[in-house]
Amino acid sequence: MNFSTQTTKLFAAAATLTIAGTVSAQLPHHEDLILGPIPMTGLSKGVAFNYQPFLDSSGTLNWGGVFIEPGGRSGGHNQEVHLDNAGLHYDFDSSGGWVPGPQRNLLLYIGEYGGELRIRFSNSLGMYNQVHPDVIDFNGTGAAGVMIDVVSGGTDGNPALVRLVGDVNDLEITGLHVWVDMGVRPCTDGLWDDLPLGSTYNVGDLVTTLGLAVQLSPYFGSGAPGYAEIQDGRDSLPDFFDNQALGADYEIHLNNITANIDLTSTGALHYQDAKLRFGEYGGGVEFLINGNFIAVPDIRNLDGLTLGGCYLDVYAGGNGNDAGEIHILGPVKSIGIGGEELWIDCLDGTPVYPMLMGDADGDGFVGLSDFTVLLLEYGSACKGGCSADFDDDGDVDTDDFSTLLVNWGASL
């Protein structure tokens, strides 16, 4: 089984709703705003924003325009903000109670197409305020315990994925020709999509999706009887119960229940590293890696821990009442996650299968594709390693060809 590696990482998107007495919110992805000029003040998915002029490096204060446009120039998804000699200020810490305080590890899509841009943010420790010609120039800078990590792109005309590593209360981006988004590109793993929409499952049920076995067990943080439900994760109004885990198509809602995903159930020995998107909207969270258990108030509390022989990196979100992504670095055989109001989707990772002699491409079958690999590597010295060097003697030769023939048609 193969999950395609996601080239994008993610952060916020999507809706506001009230669930079991808690307020749910995700950060603005601008889909709820009308195309065209943006108002001087407003809300996007419950987060307050206001217009700001652009102060360039010469000290000139520019009062240009801000527009909502179809996506394409920021590198994000669907609608995005065009900053034309102006900008926007987002206030995460006082948005009418929708967003609970500072936001950790914000992920932004920024496309800069000439001139300069300015990034300003603040928290209880202080303020960051710098202006540069290109997004890449911000990489490694920071203040108030927050660092700017330009994950990819960032030169003029090359959209960037930017991570603000740390906690921010508010964010302001202004510039000459800049496009910004906080949305995510849909994942394509198909997890849960092969299950009936609206189907519900209880403690003790065994569910199979994409060949992966998922055992449902009690969530120990609550005495309430729990259930899991397959819901529509496509972001479409007026259904505010969608896209909670920032996935695509279907996602699973875990209500006082834990989902235990067996990554070895497809025949893999383990997954080398894994990623999982989540939406956390009330109560605590329990997390299990390779059978090792921990309970935390919010997913962000997992960041930097080692559990079950794996390092946990809460790459985005996890603050409570938001969505994000966790990276599990190391050999992962099983993932368990449960909570009171939790959604999960978009499992990604690299399955590691048992070694099959002659299987040069690692698909668990010896056939024509392996012969093709052998032909391409035939005669190679293999200083960096060759997939078709089956006897591990440092080259691909007739001995390896014989191994392939002997195992032709074999499978795991």
Protein backbone atom coordinates (compact mmCIF):
# COMPACT_ATOMS: atom_id res chain seq x y z
CA MET A 1 0.00 0.00 0.00
CA ASN A 2 1.36 3.38 -0.95
CA PHE A 3 0.37 6.78 0.34
CA SER A 4 1.59 9.58 -1.90
CA THR A 5 4.02 11.88 -0.13
CA GLN A 6 2.41 15.24 0.46
CA THR A 7 4.55 18.06 -0.88
CA THR A 8 2.59 20.59 1.07
CA LYS A 9 2.33 20.86 4.77
CA LEU A 10 -0.59 22.49 6.21
CA PHE A 11 -2.34 24.75 8.54
CA ALA A 12 -5.58 26.43 9.02
CA ALA A 13 -8.79 26.58 7.15
CA ALA A 14 -12.36 26.60 7.80
CA ALA A 15 -15.45 26.98 9.93
CA THR A 16 -16.96 28.08 13.17
CA LEU A 17 -19.46 25.99 15.05
CA THR A 18 -20.65 25.02 18.48
CA ILE A 19 -20.08 21.42 19.47
CA ALA A 20 -21.04 19.91 22.81
CA GLY A 21 -20.89 23.31 24.45
CA THR A 22 -17.48 24.27 23.02
CA VAL A 23 -16.70 26.83 20.34
CA SER A 24 -14.83 25.54 17.32
CA ALA A 25 -12.75 27.62 14.96
CA GLN A 26 -10.03 27.27 12.37
CA LEU A 27 -7.82 29.99 11.03
CA PRO A 28 -8.91 32.05 7.99
CA HIS A 29 -8.51 30.63 4.51
CA HIS A 30 -10.58 33.45 2.95
CA GLU A 31 -13.16 31.14 1.33
CA ASP A 32 -15.97 32.94 3.20
CA LEU A 33 -15.08 36.36 1.74
CA ILE A 34 -16.53 37.82 -1.47
CA LEU A 35 -14.23 38.19 -4.46
CA GLY A 36 -13.09 41.78 -5.00
CA PRO A 37 -11.99 44.62 -2.71
CA ILE A 38 -11.84 43.64 0.95
CA PRO A 39 -13.55 45.74 3.67
CA MET A 40 -11.41 47.83 6.03
CA THR A 41 -12.34 45.49 8.88
CA GLY A 42 -14.03 42.11 9.00
CA LEU A 43 -13.93 38.45 9.97
CA SER A 44 -12.76 35.38 8.12
CA LYS A 45 -13.85 32.17 9.82
CA GLY A 46 -14.23 34.10 13.05
CA VAL A 47 -10.77 35.72 13.02
CA ALA A 48 -10.74 39.53 13.05
CA PHE A 49 -8.75 41.35 10.38
CA ASN A 50 -8.22 44.99 9.41
CA TYR A 51 -6.63 46.90 6.56
CA GLN A 52 -3.08 48.23 6.96
CA PRO A 53 -0.93 50.49 4.76
CA PHE A 54 2.47 49.27 3.58
CA LEU A 55 5.51 50.98 5.13
CA ASP A 56 8.43 50.28 2.76
CA SER A 57 12.15 50.43 3.55
CA SER A 58 12.39 54.05 2.40
CA GLY A 59 9.90 55.09 5.08
CA THR A 60 7.09 55.76 2.60
CA LEU A 61 3.60 54.83 3.81
CA ASN A 62 1.65 53.38 0.89
CA TRP A 63 -2.16 53.20 0.94
CA GLY A 64 -2.92 50.69 -1.79
CA GLY A 65 -5.66 48.10 -2.08
CA VAL A 66 -6.40 44.62 -0.72
CA PHE A 67 -8.46 42.15 -2.77
CA ILE A 68 -9.85 38.63 -2.51
CA GLU A 69 -8.96 36.72 -5.68
CA PRO A 70 -9.14 33.14 -6.98
CA GLY A 71 -6.14 31.10 -5.83
CA GLY A 72 -2.97 30.50 -7.78
CA ARG A 73 -0.29 33.02 -6.87
CA SER A 74 0.30 32.32 -3.17
CA GLY A 75 0.67 28.57 -3.59
CA GLY A 76 -2.33 27.99 -1.32
CA HIS A 77 -5.76 26.64 -2.13
CA ASN A 78 -8.80 28.34 -3.68
CA GLN A 79 -9.33 31.99 -2.65
CA GLU A 80 -6.40 34.10 -1.46
CA VAL A 81 -5.60 37.71 -0.50
CA HIS A 82 -3.86 40.06 -2.94
CA LEU A 83 -1.90 42.81 -1.18
CA ASP A 84 -1.35 45.65 -3.65
CA ASN A 85 0.84 48.21 -1.85
CA ALA A 86 -1.08 47.52 1.36
CA GLY A 87 -1.79 44.64 3.74
CA LEU A 88 -3.87 42.98 6.41
CA HIS A 89 -3.54 42.56 10.16
CA TYR A 90 -4.97 39.35 11.70
CA ASP A 91 -5.80 39.38 15.42
CA PHE A 92 -5.85 35.83 16.80
CA ASP A 93 -5.94 36.82 20.45
CA SER A 94 -9.06 38.99 20.56
CA SER A 95 -11.39 37.72 17.85
CA GLY A 96 -14.57 37.71 19.83
CA GLY A 97 -13.61 34.52 21.68
CA TRP A 98 -13.47 32.42 18.53
CA VAL A 99 -9.77 31.62 18.73
CA PRO A 100 -8.36 30.74 22.17
CA GLY A 101 -5.27 32.90 22.51
CA PRO A 102 -1.87 32.62 20.81
CA GLN A 103 -1.51 30.36 17.79
CA ARG A 104 1.47 28.04 17.53
CA ASN A 105 3.37 27.12 14.37
CA LEU A 106 1.32 29.04 11.82
CA LEU A 107 1.74 27.89 8.24
CA LEU A 108 1.39 30.52 5.54
CA TYR A 109 1.49 30.51 1.76
CA ILE A 110 3.12 33.70 0.45
CA GLY A 111 3.75 34.65 -3.17
CA GLU A 112 5.82 37.81 -3.74
CA TYR A 113 6.06 39.23 -7.27
CA GLY A 114 8.20 42.35 -7.13
CA GLY A 115 9.07 45.07 -4.66
CA GLU A 116 9.22 44.44 -0.93
CA LEU A 117 7.09 42.91 1.80
CA ARG A 118 6.90 43.41 5.53
CA ILE A 119 6.05 40.78 8.18
CA ARG A 120 5.11 41.83 11.69
CA PHE A 121 3.89 39.69 14.57
CA SER A 122 3.79 39.91 18.33
CA ASN A 123 3.12 37.96 21.51
CA SER A 124 3.54 38.50 25.22
CA LEU A 125 7.34 38.40 24.85
CA GLY A 126 7.67 41.15 22.27
CA MET A 127 7.39 42.04 18.59
CA TYR A 128 8.97 41.14 15.25
CA ASN A 129 8.91 43.71 12.44
CA GLN A 130 11.09 43.45 9.32
CA VAL A 131 10.91 44.36 5.63
CA HIS A 132 12.78 42.47 2.87
CA PRO A 133 12.78 42.19 -0.95
CA ASP A 134 11.98 38.45 -1.00
CA VAL A 135 10.30 35.94 1.32
CA ILE A 136 13.47 33.85 1.51
CA ASP A 137 15.24 36.80 3.18
CA PHE A 138 13.09 36.27 6.29
CA ASN A 139 14.35 32.70 6.73
CA GLY A 140 15.99 32.13 10.12
CA THR A 141 15.03 35.54 11.49
CA GLY A 142 12.78 35.96 14.49
CA ALA A 143 11.99 37.60 17.80
CA ALA A 144 9.96 37.05 20.97
CA GLY A 145 10.63 33.31 20.90
CA VAL A 146 9.33 32.89 17.32
CA MET A 147 11.45 31.93 14.29
CA ILE A 148 10.51 32.24 10.63
CA ASP A 149 11.17 29.03 8.70
CA VAL A 150 10.81 29.32 4.92
CA VAL A 151 10.08 25.66 4.21
CA SER A 152 10.11 25.98 0.42
CA GLY A 153 10.23 28.61 -2.31
CA GLY A 154 10.54 32.26 -1.41
CA THR A 155 12.44 33.90 -4.26
CA ASP A 156 10.79 36.59 -6.38
CA GLY A 157 7.89 35.01 -8.27
CA ASN A 158 8.31 31.65 -6.49
CA PRO A 159 5.52 31.03 -3.92
CA ALA A 160 6.77 30.13 -0.46
CA LEU A 161 5.55 27.88 2.31
CA VAL A 162 6.39 29.70 5.54
CA ARG A 163 6.24 28.40 9.10
CA LEU A 164 6.20 30.70 12.13
CA VAL A 165 7.73 28.42 14.76
CA GLY A 166 6.39 29.54 18.12
CA ASP A 167 3.36 31.37 19.50
CA VAL A 168 1.89 34.50 17.88
CA ASN A 169 -0.99 36.65 19.08
CA ASP A 170 -1.36 38.65 15.90
CA LEU A 171 0.12 38.76 12.40
CA GLU A 172 0.46 41.54 9.85
CA ILE A 173 1.65 41.10 6.26
CA THR A 174 1.99 44.08 3.91
CA GLY A 175 3.73 44.49 0.56
CA LEU A 176 3.86 45.84 -2.97
CA HIS A 177 2.76 42.78 -4.97
CA VAL A 178 2.04 39.98 -2.50
CA TRP A 179 -0.49 37.14 -2.36
CA VAL A 180 -1.22 35.35 0.94
CA ASP A 181 -3.25 32.34 2.04
CA MET A 182 -3.62 30.26 5.19
CA GLY A 183 -5.53 27.42 3.60
CA VAL A 184 -4.34 23.94 2.67
CA ARG A 185 -4.24 21.93 -0.47
CA PRO A 186 -6.46 18.84 -0.23
CA CYS A 187 -4.75 15.60 0.63
CA THR A 188 -5.24 12.66 -1.72
CA ASP A 189 -4.78 9.60 0.46
CA GLY A 190 -8.45 8.52 0.32
CA LEU A 191 -8.51 7.53 4.00
CA TRP A 192 -12.13 6.91 5.13
CA ASP A 193 -13.44 7.60 1.60
CA ASP A 194 -14.20 3.91 1.04
CA LEU A 195 -16.61 3.84 4.00
CA PRO A 196 -20.30 4.82 3.82
CA LEU A 197 -20.95 8.49 4.54
CA GLY A 198 -22.80 8.83 7.85
CA SER A 199 -21.89 5.35 9.08
CA THR A 200 -21.26 5.16 12.83
CA TYR A 201 -19.06 2.79 14.84
CA ASN A 202 -18.81 1.96 18.52
CA VAL A 203 -16.23 0.73 21.00
CA GLY A 204 -15.07 -2.75 19.98
CA ASP A 205 -15.78 -2.31 16.26
CA LEU A 206 -13.06 -3.12 13.73
CA VAL A 207 -13.09 -0.91 10.64
CA THR A 208 -10.99 -1.34 7.50
CA THR A 209 -10.09 1.60 5.26
CA LEU A 210 -7.59 1.41 2.41
CA GLY A 211 -6.62 -2.00 3.75
CA LEU A 212 -5.67 -0.59 7.15
CA ALA A 213 -7.30 -2.13 10.21
CA VAL A 214 -8.71 0.45 12.66
CA GLN A 215 -9.79 -0.83 16.09
CA LEU A 216 -12.09 1.44 18.11
CA SER A 217 -11.49 1.46 21.87
CA PRO A 218 -12.70 3.52 24.86
CA TYR A 219 -11.47 7.06 25.34
CA PHE A 220 -10.35 7.02 28.97
CA GLY A 221 -10.60 10.77 29.39
CA SER A 222 -14.38 10.52 29.59
CA GLY A 223 -16.87 8.13 31.10
CA ALA A 224 -19.37 8.84 28.33
CA PRO A 225 -20.07 6.11 25.79
CA GLY A 226 -18.36 7.12 22.57
CA TYR A 227 -18.83 6.67 18.87
CA ALA A 228 -17.11 7.41 15.58
CA GLU A 229 -18.85 8.77 12.49
CA ILE A 230 -17.78 9.14 8.86
CA GLN A 231 -18.50 12.73 7.86
CA ASP A 232 -18.18 14.80 4.69
CA GLY A 233 -14.95 16.76 4.92
CA ARG A 234 -15.53 18.85 1.82
CA ASP A 235 -15.76 22.50 2.80
CA SER A 236 -19.19 23.64 1.66
CA LEU A 237 -21.62 26.03 3.29
CA PRO A 238 -23.95 25.90 5.12
CA ASP A 239 -22.63 22.63 6.59
CA PHE A 240 -20.33 23.82 9.38
CA PHE A 241 -19.50 20.24 10.37
CA ASP A 242 -17.13 19.84 7.39
CA ASN A 243 -13.39 20.02 6.83
CA GLN A 244 -12.59 19.86 10.52
CA ALA A 245 -9.37 17.85 10.02
CA LEU A 246 -8.26 19.84 6.96
CA GLY A 247 -8.60 16.77 4.80
CA ALA A 248 -10.42 16.02 1.59
CA ASP A 249 -13.69 14.22 0.96
CA TYR A 250 -14.53 12.05 4.01
CA GLU A 251 -13.04 12.32 7.50
CA ILE A 252 -13.78 10.53 10.76
CA HIS A 253 -15.25 12.24 13.83
CA LEU A 254 -14.12 10.69 17.12
CA ASN A 255 -16.57 11.53 19.90
CA ASN A 256 -15.30 10.16 23.23
CA ILE A 257 -13.63 7.26 21.47
CA THR A 258 -10.12 6.24 20.33
CA ALA A 259 -9.11 4.99 16.88
CA ASN A 260 -6.15 2.59 16.80
CA ILE A 261 -4.66 2.36 13.29
CA ASP A 262 -2.56 -0.75 12.58
CA LEU A 263 0.01 0.24 9.94
CA THR A 264 1.25 -3.35 9.64
CA SER A 265 -2.15 -4.66 8.54
CA THR A 266 -1.28 -4.20 4.85
CA GLY A 267 1.83 -6.39 5.19
CA ALA A 268 4.29 -3.61 5.98
CA LEU A 269 6.85 -4.10 8.73
CA HIS A 270 6.24 -0.50 9.77
CA TYR A 271 6.02 2.99 8.35
CA GLN A 272 9.18 5.06 8.32
CA ASP A 273 7.77 8.35 9.57
CA ALA A 274 4.09 9.26 9.36
CA LYS A 275 1.92 12.36 9.24
CA LEU A 276 -1.65 12.85 10.37
CA ARG A 277 -4.02 15.81 10.10
CA PHE A 278 -6.40 16.54 12.93
CA GLY A 279 -9.07 18.88 14.19
CA GLU A 280 -9.31 19.19 17.99
CA TYR A 281 -12.40 20.95 19.34
CA GLY A 282 -12.93 20.15 23.00
CA GLY A 283 -11.63 18.12 25.92
CA GLY A 284 -8.31 16.34 26.17
CA VAL A 285 -6.49 14.00 23.80
CA GLU A 286 -4.90 10.60 24.24
CA PHE A 287 -2.16 9.46 21.90
CA LEU A 288 -0.53 6.08 21.39
CA ILE A 289 2.52 5.23 19.28
CA ASN A 290 3.52 1.58 18.97
CA GLY A 291 1.33 0.83 21.98
CA ASN A 292 2.85 3.51 24.23
CA PHE A 293 0.24 5.82 25.78
CA ILE A 294 0.13 9.47 26.84
CA ALA A 295 -2.75 11.81 27.70
CA VAL A 296 -2.46 15.58 27.15
CA PRO A 297 -4.80 18.60 27.34
CA ASP A 298 -4.10 19.60 23.71
CA ILE A 299 -2.15 18.10 20.83
CA ARG A 300 0.44 20.89 21.03
CA ASN A 301 1.59 19.34 24.34
CA LEU A 302 2.97 16.40 22.33
CA ASP A 303 5.44 18.62 20.51
CA GLY A 304 9.06 17.57 21.11
CA LEU A 305 8.21 14.39 23.03
CA THR A 306 9.50 10.89 22.28
CA LEU A 307 6.86 8.18 22.43
CA GLY A 308 7.12 4.55 21.39
CA GLY A 309 10.57 5.14 19.91
CA CYS A 310 9.35 8.02 17.72
CA TYR A 311 9.87 11.77 17.92
CA LEU A 312 6.68 13.86 17.80
CA ASP A 313 6.64 17.14 15.88
CA VAL A 314 3.36 19.07 16.03
CA TYR A 315 4.09 20.73 12.73
CA ALA A 316 1.06 23.02 12.80
CA GLY A 317 -1.89 23.80 15.04
CA GLY A 318 -2.73 21.73 18.09
CA ASN A 319 -3.61 24.71 20.28
CA GLY A 320 -7.11 23.49 21.05
CA ASN A 321 -10.16 24.52 19.02
CA ASP A 322 -8.13 24.38 15.81
CA ALA A 323 -6.76 22.05 13.17
CA GLY A 324 -3.24 21.06 12.20
CA GLU A 325 -0.79 18.28 11.45
CA ILE A 326 1.45 16.07 13.55
CA HIS A 327 4.60 14.35 12.26
CA ILE A 328 5.68 11.07 13.86
CA LEU A 329 9.36 10.53 13.08
CA GLY A 330 10.72 7.01 13.34
CA PRO A 331 9.49 3.45 12.74
CA VAL A 332 5.71 3.52 13.29
CA LYS A 333 3.74 0.30 13.58
CA SER A 334 0.56 1.73 15.07
CA ILE A 335 -1.06 5.07 15.81
CA GLY A 336 -3.82 5.52 18.36
CA ILE A 337 -5.61 8.82 18.86
CA GLY A 338 -8.75 9.67 20.78
CA GLY A 339 -10.61 12.58 22.28
CA GLU A 340 -13.94 14.11 23.12
CA GLU A 341 -14.37 16.15 19.94
CA LEU A 342 -11.71 15.10 17.48
CA TRP A 343 -11.50 14.67 13.70
CA ILE A 344 -8.66 12.94 11.81
CA ASP A 345 -7.76 12.45 8.14
CA CYS A 346 -4.87 12.43 5.68
CA LEU A 347 -2.53 9.72 6.95
CA ASP A 348 0.73 9.85 5.05
CA GLY A 349 3.93 7.83 5.37
CA THR A 350 6.38 5.45 3.76
CA PRO A 351 5.57 1.76 4.31
CA VAL A 352 8.59 -0.52 4.77
CA TYR A 353 7.97 -4.07 3.55
CA PRO A 354 9.94 -7.28 4.21
CA MET A 355 12.87 -7.76 1.84
CA LEU A 356 12.14 -9.92 -1.20
CA MET A 357 15.19 -10.92 -3.24
CA GLY A 358 14.81 -9.64 -6.78
CA ASP A 359 12.31 -6.95 -5.77
CA ALA A 360 14.31 -3.92 -6.91
CA ASP A 361 11.46 -1.41 -6.76
CA GLY A 362 10.12 -2.56 -3.38
CA ASP A 363 6.54 -3.18 -4.48
CA GLY A 364 6.43 -6.69 -3.00
CA PHE A 365 6.49 -8.44 -6.40
CA VAL A 366 9.34 -9.58 -8.67
CA GLY A 367 8.55 -8.81 -12.28
CA LEU A 368 9.13 -6.63 -15.30
CA SER A 369 9.54 -3.38 -13.39
CA ASP A 370 12.39 -4.95 -11.37
CA PHE A 371 14.04 -6.14 -14.58
CA THR A 372 13.86 -2.58 -15.88
CA VAL A 373 15.60 -1.29 -12.74
CA LEU A 374 18.30 -3.94 -13.12
CA LEU A 375 18.93 -2.96 -16.76
CA LEU A 376 19.28 0.70 -15.80
CA GLU A 377 21.77 -0.13 -13.03
CA TYR A 378 23.61 -2.95 -14.80
CA GLY A 379 27.38 -2.48 -14.58
CA SER A 380 27.10 0.27 -11.98
CA ALA A 381 29.71 0.48 -9.24
CA CYS A 382 26.95 1.23 -6.68
CA LYS A 383 29.01 3.53 -4.50
CA GLY A 384 25.77 5.12 -3.36
CA GLY A 385 23.88 1.85 -3.30
CA CYS A 386 21.89 0.16 -6.06
CA SER A 387 18.38 -1.24 -5.77
CA ALA A 388 19.30 -4.19 -7.98
CA ASP A 389 22.51 -5.13 -6.11
CA PHE A 390 20.77 -8.10 -4.51
CA ASP A 391 23.94 -9.80 -3.25
CA ASP A 392 25.26 -6.51 -1.85
CA ASP A 393 28.71 -6.93 -3.43
CA GLY A 394 28.96 -3.36 -4.70
CA ASP A 395 27.87 -3.79 -8.32
CA VAL A 396 25.00 -4.98 -10.49
CA ASP A 397 26.07 -7.92 -12.62
CA THR A 398 25.13 -11.41 -13.81
CA ASP A 399 24.84 -12.69 -10.24
CA ASP A 400 22.08 -10.17 -9.55
CA PHE A 401 20.40 -11.04 -12.85
CA SER A 402 20.40 -14.70 -11.79
CA THR A 403 18.81 -13.76 -8.46
CA LEU A 404 16.04 -11.91 -10.27
CA LEU A 405 15.37 -14.89 -12.58
CA VAL A 406 15.25 -17.36 -9.68
CA ASN A 407 12.68 -15.20 -7.86
CA TRP A 408 10.69 -14.16 -10.95
CA GLY A 409 6.98 -14.00 -10.08
CA ALA A 410 7.52 -14.20 -6.32
CA SER A 411 5.54 -11.91 -4.04
CA LEU A 412 5.14 -11.12 -0.38
